[in-house]
Amino acid sequence: MAKVEGVVLTKVNFPLYTIQMVTSHHVLVGGGGGSAKTGVANGFELFELSHDGKQFYVEDKVRHDTGDNVVMNCDVHSNGKNIYVVAGQENSNQLYKITAEFTQMNGVVKSKESNNTADTIVRKRKEKDKENAKQKGGKKEKSNEKGKNKKDKIEDPPILNSIDSKEKNLRFGFKTFDSVQTVFAGSESLQRVVRLSRNGDLMVTGGTDGHLRLWSFPKMKPLLHIEAHSKEIDDVDFSISGEQIVSIAKDGKAFVWNSKNGSLSKELKWNTPDNIKYLFKRCRYGLVEDSPKRSRLFTLANPLAQNKRGISYVQQWDVDSGRLRLAREMKESLSALAVRDDGRFVAVGTMFTGSVFVYIAFSLQSLSALAVRDDGRFVAVGTMFTGSVFVYIAFSLQFTGTISVSFALLLVFVVVLLTFALLTFLGL
């Protein structure tokens, strides 16, 4: 498949170290120039994404300066009412809350009932949509649409979700809360990673001391201290249930821990090609499609030293046994890993060229073809190796079915044959 070039939507005037999706249409970036007086600011910027049907647009909504503290890593959690941001700054972890307030045309902030106002707007918009659906499609269409929304739609926090309406007079801000020290390694103390559990009850941090620390959230009270690795930690993640934590570090080890008592559950081991030493780079859990109680574990592995093959790997592990299930070779060093919330797709970023590859999660197969129906309701995704076509509902990417390429070609042939037969019968 031909390489697709990205389009620069916006630029910031500081080095970027972290990026997070706050909602389905808001992106948070963080970074900075460090504590030295370089003149380069440290902080966050929040952007709003929009699409006109042809191209994307981005609008800078708010910028928050963090003073001398550079933002090296962060994570975001929304509980439907509040949006929390946790950020690694030197040897500590800082808690923020993103706020959004309605303002009048003159810029004056409205009453403290802003949240209720936002909820009201969303509720009115939903009621209006229901009325329109009833008038256009009748009771049957209304029932089907209601079922889809209930199952598939992922709601943004009410006050941010209301941006979809014509009310554009929203002002965003950051509120600073508690900070806790998470790394204790003398002058070299740096927090390398922070992750929040899916339900937002737990937070785990890791840093240059090789230790994991588990905290309650959002109070950030210490729960567990695990001497996990002999070298600094590169990445951690919670399992879908929050009962396990996976950690990888520069000692080349990957461990799975019990988040309730801190005990070691298993070590991830695999037979490296030609006895070449590899280092794990990133780790992420992902849902198994249509099975919310099951999960998969993905990792990235790069060779420790450059070799003739120069092969890196995207790996999929069996969560229960800790065995390697699938591995996909990559000819570039890998640096970033993300799994779609519903577990269907895995995105991998490369270190030097900045390329992004998207794979189907259960098979690690490349997306080799993509087509969208004219009305935008369905997306067809083709895979290179199995010759299958997957069909999804566009607005939610809900899986609807799969057909083989051979069957699809046969279907096209039959349609063409019937068309010629009809034209012959009509004498055209």
Foldseek 3Di string as FASTA:
>chain_A
DDDDDDDDQDDDQADWQEKDDQDPFKIKTFWWDALDPPVIFGWMWIWGWDDPPPDIHIDTADIDTPHRWHFNEWDWADPLAWIWIWTWTFQKIWIKTKDKFAADPVRHTDDPCRLVVLQVLVVVVVVVVLVVCCVPPNDVSSVVVVVCCVPFPDDRRSNVNSCVDPRPRMHMDMDTDDMDGDFDDPPNRTWQYKDAARNRQKIWTWFQCCKIWIAGPPVGHTDDIENHDNGGWQEKYAANVRQWMWTFGPVQWIWIAGPNHGHTDDTQDDDDPPPFRKGWHYKDKAADAPDSVAIKIWIKIFGPDDDPQRWIWIWIAHPPPSYTDDIDIDNAAWHDWDAPHNRQKIWTAGDPPRDIFIAGRVHRFGFPDWDADPVRQKIWTATDPQQKIWIAGRVRRHTDDMDHNVVVVVVVVVVVVVVVVVCVVVVD
